[in-house]
Amino acid sequence: MGVRRAGRGAAEVGVDEEAVQRRELERFIRDRNMVTLFQPIIPLADGETIGFEVLNRPPLSSSFANAEAFYRYVGQSTQVFVVERSCRDMALCRFAEQVGRSETCRMPCSSSTSIPM
């Protein structure tokens, strides 16, 4: 149950929250403002970096408490493929700019989708 806001009925709060989350998700996709991190993959045997795992995180937002809440929302929406494609495209561009084209990157994706490369 949502927290009641001054001047609004309790039923409106849930609807408003869903609409705000949907608009926020659409803005993340449109503006490509996800935070992209590159986690080195380092085998313990030799300590050499063999590649990087791509981690995309939403920016701080009042709509989503953390990345887990964001991705839970995405998983329940009809936008899984769109979000994953947008994240993949952003990550590949940023990877080439920040890490280098000669390095290897690994991108996790939802098991419920198949993304053509």
N, C-alpha and C. Protein backbone atom coordinates (compact mmCIF):
# COMPACT_ATOMS: atom_id res chain seq x y z
N MET A 1 0.84 -1.18 0.00
CA MET A 1 0.00 0.00 0.00
C MET A 1 0.88 1.24 0.00
N GLY A 2 0.57 2.21 -0.84
CA GLY A 2 1.35 3.43 -0.94
C GLY A 2 1.08 4.37 0.22
N VAL A 3 1.97 5.30 0.40
CA VAL A 3 1.80 6.32 1.43
C VAL A 3 0.86 7.37 0.88
N ARG A 4 -0.12 7.75 1.69
CA ARG A 4 -1.09 8.73 1.24
C ARG A 4 -0.46 10.11 1.20
N ARG A 5 -0.64 10.77 0.10
CA ARG A 5 -0.11 12.12 -0.08
C ARG A 5 -1.22 13.12 0.15
N ALA A 6 -0.84 14.27 0.64
CA ALA A 6 -1.83 15.31 0.92
C ALA A 6 -2.59 15.68 -0.36
N GLY A 7 -3.91 15.75 -0.23
CA GLY A 7 -4.73 16.17 -1.36
C GLY A 7 -5.07 15.09 -2.36
N ARG A 8 -4.68 13.86 -2.10
CA ARG A 8 -4.98 12.78 -3.03
C ARG A 8 -5.64 11.63 -2.31
N GLY A 9 -6.50 10.94 -3.02
CA GLY A 9 -7.13 9.75 -2.46
C GLY A 9 -6.17 8.58 -2.48
N ALA A 10 -6.36 7.62 -1.61
CA ALA A 10 -5.46 6.46 -1.51
C ALA A 10 -5.41 5.69 -2.83
N ALA A 11 -6.51 5.59 -3.55
CA ALA A 11 -6.54 4.83 -4.81
C ALA A 11 -5.68 5.51 -5.87
N GLU A 12 -5.60 6.84 -5.83
CA GLU A 12 -4.81 7.56 -6.83
C GLU A 12 -3.31 7.35 -6.65
N VAL A 13 -2.87 7.12 -5.43
CA VAL A 13 -1.45 7.00 -5.16
C VAL A 13 -0.83 5.83 -5.92
N GLY A 14 -1.43 4.63 -5.89
CA GLY A 14 -0.92 3.48 -6.61
C GLY A 14 -0.86 3.71 -8.11
N VAL A 15 -1.91 4.31 -8.65
CA VAL A 15 -1.96 4.60 -10.08
C VAL A 15 -0.89 5.63 -10.43
N ASP A 16 -0.78 6.66 -9.62
CA ASP A 16 0.24 7.69 -9.87
C ASP A 16 1.63 7.10 -9.81
N GLU A 17 1.90 6.24 -8.84
CA GLU A 17 3.22 5.64 -8.69
C GLU A 17 3.57 4.80 -9.92
N GLU A 18 2.63 4.02 -10.41
CA GLU A 18 2.86 3.20 -11.61
C GLU A 18 3.13 4.09 -12.81
N ALA A 19 2.37 5.16 -12.96
CA ALA A 19 2.57 6.08 -14.10
C ALA A 19 3.93 6.76 -14.01
N VAL A 20 4.34 7.14 -12.82
CA VAL A 20 5.64 7.78 -12.63
C VAL A 20 6.77 6.80 -12.97
N GLN A 21 6.65 5.55 -12.52
CA GLN A 21 7.66 4.54 -12.83
C GLN A 21 7.75 4.29 -14.33
N ARG A 22 6.59 4.21 -14.98
CA ARG A 22 6.58 3.98 -16.43
C ARG A 22 7.25 5.14 -17.17
N ARG A 23 6.94 6.38 -16.77
CA ARG A 23 7.56 7.54 -17.41
C ARG A 23 9.07 7.58 -17.15
N GLU A 24 9.45 7.22 -15.94
CA GLU A 24 10.88 7.20 -15.60
C GLU A 24 11.62 6.16 -16.45
N LEU A 25 11.02 4.98 -16.61
CA LEU A 25 11.62 3.95 -17.45
C LEU A 25 11.74 4.44 -18.89
N GLU A 26 10.69 5.04 -19.41
CA GLU A 26 10.73 5.57 -20.77
C GLU A 26 11.81 6.63 -20.92
N ARG A 27 12.01 7.47 -19.89
CA ARG A 27 13.04 8.50 -19.93
C ARG A 27 14.43 7.88 -19.91
N PHE A 28 14.63 6.83 -19.09
CA PHE A 28 15.93 6.15 -19.05
C PHE A 28 16.28 5.61 -20.44
N ILE A 29 15.29 5.02 -21.10
CA ILE A 29 15.53 4.45 -22.43
C ILE A 29 15.80 5.56 -23.45
N ARG A 30 14.95 6.56 -23.45
CA ARG A 30 15.06 7.64 -24.43
C ARG A 30 16.37 8.44 -24.27
N ASP A 31 16.70 8.80 -23.03
CA ASP A 31 17.86 9.66 -22.78
C ASP A 31 19.16 8.89 -22.63
N ARG A 32 19.05 7.56 -22.57
CA ARG A 32 20.23 6.70 -22.42
C ARG A 32 21.10 7.14 -21.25
N ASN A 33 20.46 7.36 -20.11
CA ASN A 33 21.21 7.87 -18.97
C ASN A 33 21.46 6.82 -17.90
N MET A 34 21.54 5.59 -18.31
CA MET A 34 21.93 4.54 -17.37
C MET A 34 23.41 4.70 -17.04
N VAL A 35 23.79 4.28 -15.86
CA VAL A 35 25.19 4.29 -15.44
C VAL A 35 25.79 2.95 -15.86
N THR A 36 26.87 2.98 -16.61
CA THR A 36 27.50 1.75 -17.09
C THR A 36 28.84 1.57 -16.39
N LEU A 37 29.02 0.41 -15.78
CA LEU A 37 30.26 0.08 -15.09
C LEU A 37 30.88 -1.14 -15.75
N PHE A 38 32.19 -1.25 -15.67
CA PHE A 38 32.90 -2.38 -16.25
C PHE A 38 33.68 -3.08 -15.14
N GLN A 39 33.21 -4.24 -14.75
CA GLN A 39 33.82 -5.03 -13.68
C GLN A 39 34.87 -5.96 -14.29
N PRO A 40 36.14 -5.81 -13.89
CA PRO A 40 37.17 -6.69 -14.45
C PRO A 40 36.91 -8.16 -14.09
N ILE A 41 37.18 -9.04 -15.03
CA ILE A 41 37.12 -10.48 -14.79
C ILE A 41 38.57 -10.94 -14.66
N ILE A 42 38.92 -11.38 -13.43
CA ILE A 42 40.31 -11.72 -13.13
C ILE A 42 40.37 -13.12 -12.52
N PRO A 43 40.92 -14.09 -13.25
CA PRO A 43 41.09 -15.43 -12.69
C PRO A 43 42.09 -15.39 -11.52
N LEU A 44 41.80 -16.12 -10.46
CA LEU A 44 42.70 -16.15 -9.30
C LEU A 44 44.03 -16.81 -9.62
N ALA A 45 44.04 -17.70 -10.61
CA ALA A 45 45.26 -18.45 -10.93
C ALA A 45 46.41 -17.54 -11.33
N ASP A 46 46.13 -16.53 -12.18
CA ASP A 46 47.25 -15.69 -12.63
C ASP A 46 47.05 -14.19 -12.36
N GLY A 47 45.87 -13.78 -11.97
CA GLY A 47 45.63 -12.38 -11.63
C GLY A 47 45.58 -11.42 -12.80
N GLU A 48 45.55 -11.96 -14.02
CA GLU A 48 45.50 -11.11 -15.22
C GLU A 48 44.04 -10.87 -15.62
N THR A 49 43.72 -9.66 -16.01
CA THR A 49 42.38 -9.35 -16.48
C THR A 49 42.14 -10.01 -17.83
N ILE A 50 41.07 -10.80 -17.92
CA ILE A 50 40.76 -11.48 -19.18
C ILE A 50 39.58 -10.85 -19.91
N GLY A 51 38.94 -9.88 -19.28
CA GLY A 51 37.80 -9.22 -19.88
C GLY A 51 37.06 -8.41 -18.83
N PHE A 52 35.88 -7.94 -19.21
CA PHE A 52 35.09 -7.11 -18.33
C PHE A 52 33.62 -7.50 -18.41
N GLU A 53 32.96 -7.54 -17.26
CA GLU A 53 31.51 -7.75 -17.24
C GLU A 53 30.86 -6.38 -17.22
N VAL A 54 29.86 -6.20 -18.05
CA VAL A 54 29.15 -4.93 -18.14
C VAL A 54 28.02 -4.92 -17.11
N LEU A 55 27.96 -3.85 -16.34
CA LEU A 55 26.90 -3.68 -15.35
C LEU A 55 26.20 -2.35 -15.63
N ASN A 56 24.93 -2.39 -15.99
CA ASN A 56 24.16 -1.17 -16.23
C ASN A 56 23.24 -0.94 -15.03
N ARG A 57 23.27 0.27 -14.51
CA ARG A 57 22.48 0.63 -13.35
C ARG A 57 21.71 1.91 -13.64
N PRO A 58 20.47 1.99 -13.15
CA PRO A 58 19.72 3.23 -13.33
C PRO A 58 20.32 4.32 -12.45
N PRO A 59 20.22 5.58 -12.86
CA PRO A 59 20.68 6.65 -11.99
C PRO A 59 19.78 6.75 -10.76
N LEU A 60 20.23 7.48 -9.75
CA LEU A 60 19.40 7.66 -8.55
C LEU A 60 18.04 8.20 -8.95
N SER A 61 17.02 7.66 -8.33
CA SER A 61 15.67 7.99 -8.72
C SER A 61 14.72 7.82 -7.54
N SER A 62 13.72 8.67 -7.46
CA SER A 62 12.71 8.51 -6.42
C SER A 62 11.73 7.39 -6.78
N SER A 63 11.73 6.96 -8.03
CA SER A 63 10.81 5.90 -8.46
C SER A 63 11.32 4.50 -8.14
N PHE A 64 12.64 4.33 -8.11
CA PHE A 64 13.23 3.02 -7.87
C PHE A 64 14.28 3.15 -6.78
N ALA A 65 14.10 2.40 -5.70
CA ALA A 65 14.99 2.51 -4.54
C ALA A 65 16.42 2.07 -4.86
N ASN A 66 16.55 1.10 -5.78
CA ASN A 66 17.87 0.57 -6.12
C ASN A 66 17.77 -0.17 -7.46
N ALA A 67 18.90 -0.69 -7.92
CA ALA A 67 18.92 -1.38 -9.22
C ALA A 67 18.03 -2.61 -9.20
N GLU A 68 17.98 -3.32 -8.07
CA GLU A 68 17.13 -4.51 -7.98
C GLU A 68 15.66 -4.14 -8.20
N ALA A 69 15.20 -3.05 -7.58
CA ALA A 69 13.81 -2.62 -7.75
C ALA A 69 13.55 -2.22 -9.21
N PHE A 70 14.51 -1.55 -9.82
CA PHE A 70 14.38 -1.15 -11.22
C PHE A 70 14.24 -2.37 -12.12
N TYR A 71 15.15 -3.33 -11.97
CA TYR A 71 15.11 -4.50 -12.84
C TYR A 71 13.92 -5.41 -12.55
N ARG A 72 13.45 -5.42 -11.32
CA ARG A 72 12.22 -6.16 -11.00
C ARG A 72 11.05 -5.54 -11.76
N TYR A 73 10.98 -4.21 -11.76
CA TYR A 73 9.92 -3.51 -12.48
C TYR A 73 10.03 -3.80 -13.98
N VAL A 74 11.23 -3.71 -14.52
CA VAL A 74 11.44 -3.98 -15.95
C VAL A 74 10.99 -5.40 -16.28
N GLY A 75 11.34 -6.36 -15.44
CA GLY A 75 10.98 -7.76 -15.68
C GLY A 75 9.49 -8.01 -15.70
N GLN A 76 8.74 -7.18 -15.00
CA GLN A 76 7.28 -7.33 -14.96
C GLN A 76 6.59 -6.48 -16.02
N SER A 77 7.37 -5.68 -16.74
CA SER A 77 6.80 -4.81 -17.76
C SER A 77 6.86 -5.51 -19.13
N THR A 78 6.40 -4.80 -20.13
CA THR A 78 6.49 -5.30 -21.49
C THR A 78 7.73 -4.73 -22.20
N GLN A 79 8.63 -4.12 -21.43
CA GLN A 79 9.76 -3.41 -22.00
C GLN A 79 11.11 -4.13 -21.82
N VAL A 80 11.10 -5.40 -21.44
CA VAL A 80 12.35 -6.11 -21.18
C VAL A 80 13.29 -6.04 -22.38
N PHE A 81 12.80 -6.40 -23.55
CA PHE A 81 13.65 -6.41 -24.74
C PHE A 81 14.16 -5.01 -25.05
N VAL A 82 13.30 -4.01 -24.97
CA VAL A 82 13.69 -2.63 -25.28
C VAL A 82 14.77 -2.16 -24.32
N VAL A 83 14.60 -2.44 -23.02
CA VAL A 83 15.59 -2.02 -22.02
C VAL A 83 16.91 -2.75 -22.27
N GLU A 84 16.87 -4.04 -22.50
CA GLU A 84 18.10 -4.79 -22.71
C GLU A 84 18.82 -4.34 -23.98
N ARG A 85 18.09 -4.07 -25.03
CA ARG A 85 18.72 -3.58 -26.26
C ARG A 85 19.35 -2.21 -26.04
N SER A 86 18.63 -1.33 -25.35
CA SER A 86 19.15 0.00 -25.07
C SER A 86 20.41 -0.09 -24.20
N CYS A 87 20.38 -0.91 -23.17
CA CYS A 87 21.54 -1.10 -22.29
C CYS A 87 22.71 -1.69 -23.07
N ARG A 88 22.42 -2.66 -23.92
CA ARG A 88 23.49 -3.28 -24.72
C ARG A 88 24.14 -2.26 -25.63
N ASP A 89 23.33 -1.46 -26.33
CA ASP A 89 23.87 -0.46 -27.25
C ASP A 89 24.70 0.58 -26.52
N MET A 90 24.18 1.07 -25.38
CA MET A 90 24.93 2.04 -24.57
C MET A 90 26.25 1.44 -24.11
N ALA A 91 26.18 0.22 -23.60
CA ALA A 91 27.37 -0.43 -23.03
C ALA A 91 28.45 -0.65 -24.09
N LEU A 92 28.06 -1.08 -25.28
CA LEU A 92 29.06 -1.31 -26.33
C LEU A 92 29.76 -0.01 -26.74
N CYS A 93 29.00 1.06 -26.87
CA CYS A 93 29.60 2.36 -27.21
C CYS A 93 30.53 2.83 -26.09
N ARG A 94 30.07 2.73 -24.87
CA ARG A 94 30.89 3.18 -23.73
C ARG A 94 32.11 2.29 -23.53
N PHE A 95 31.94 1.02 -23.80
CA PHE A 95 33.07 0.09 -23.65
C PHE A 95 34.18 0.46 -24.63
N ALA A 96 33.81 0.70 -25.87
CA ALA A 96 34.80 1.07 -26.89
C ALA A 96 35.49 2.38 -26.53
N GLU A 97 34.74 3.34 -25.96
CA GLU A 97 35.31 4.63 -25.59
C GLU A 97 36.20 4.53 -24.36
N GLN A 98 35.78 3.77 -23.34
CA GLN A 98 36.44 3.79 -22.05
C GLN A 98 37.47 2.69 -21.85
N VAL A 99 37.22 1.52 -22.41
CA VAL A 99 38.09 0.37 -22.16
C VAL A 99 38.96 0.07 -23.37
N GLY A 100 38.36 0.02 -24.51
CA GLY A 100 39.11 -0.25 -25.74
C GLY A 100 38.49 -1.37 -26.54
N ARG A 101 38.61 -1.27 -27.81
CA ARG A 101 37.99 -2.24 -28.72
C ARG A 101 38.68 -3.60 -28.70
N SER A 102 39.92 -3.66 -28.25
CA SER A 102 40.64 -4.93 -28.27
C SER A 102 40.34 -5.80 -27.06
N GLU A 103 39.62 -5.28 -26.09
CA GLU A 103 39.29 -6.04 -24.88
C GLU A 103 38.00 -6.84 -25.09
N THR A 104 37.77 -7.80 -24.20
CA THR A 104 36.57 -8.63 -24.24
C THR A 104 35.57 -8.14 -23.21
N CYS A 105 34.30 -8.10 -23.59
CA CYS A 105 33.27 -7.75 -22.60
C CYS A 105 32.19 -8.83 -22.60
N ARG A 106 31.58 -8.99 -21.43
CA ARG A 106 30.47 -9.94 -21.27
C ARG A 106 29.28 -9.17 -20.72
N MET A 107 28.13 -9.38 -21.36
CA MET A 107 26.93 -8.67 -20.94
C MET A 107 25.85 -9.65 -20.51
N PRO A 108 25.46 -9.58 -19.25
CA PRO A 108 24.36 -10.44 -18.82
C PRO A 108 23.05 -9.96 -19.46
N CYS A 109 22.16 -10.89 -19.70
CA CYS A 109 20.84 -10.51 -20.21
C CYS A 109 19.79 -11.40 -19.57
N SER A 110 18.57 -10.99 -19.69
CA SER A 110 17.46 -11.73 -19.11
C SER A 110 17.32 -13.08 -19.79
N SER A 111 17.06 -14.10 -19.02
CA SER A 111 16.87 -15.42 -19.60
C SER A 111 15.55 -15.53 -20.35
N SER A 112 14.68 -14.53 -20.19
CA SER A 112 13.40 -14.58 -20.87
C SER A 112 13.43 -13.95 -22.26
N THR A 113 14.59 -13.43 -22.65
CA THR A 113 14.69 -12.82 -23.98
C THR A 113 15.89 -13.35 -24.72
N SER A 114 15.82 -13.25 -26.01
CA SER A 114 16.95 -13.58 -26.86
C SER A 114 17.23 -12.35 -27.68
N ILE A 115 18.42 -11.77 -27.52
CA ILE A 115 18.73 -10.52 -28.19
C ILE A 115 19.65 -10.81 -29.38
N PRO A 116 19.18 -10.52 -30.58
CA PRO A 116 20.05 -10.71 -31.74
C PRO A 116 21.18 -9.69 -31.72
N MET A 117 22.39 -10.12 -32.00
CA MET A 117 23.55 -9.21 -31.98
C MET A 117 23.83 -8.68 -33.35
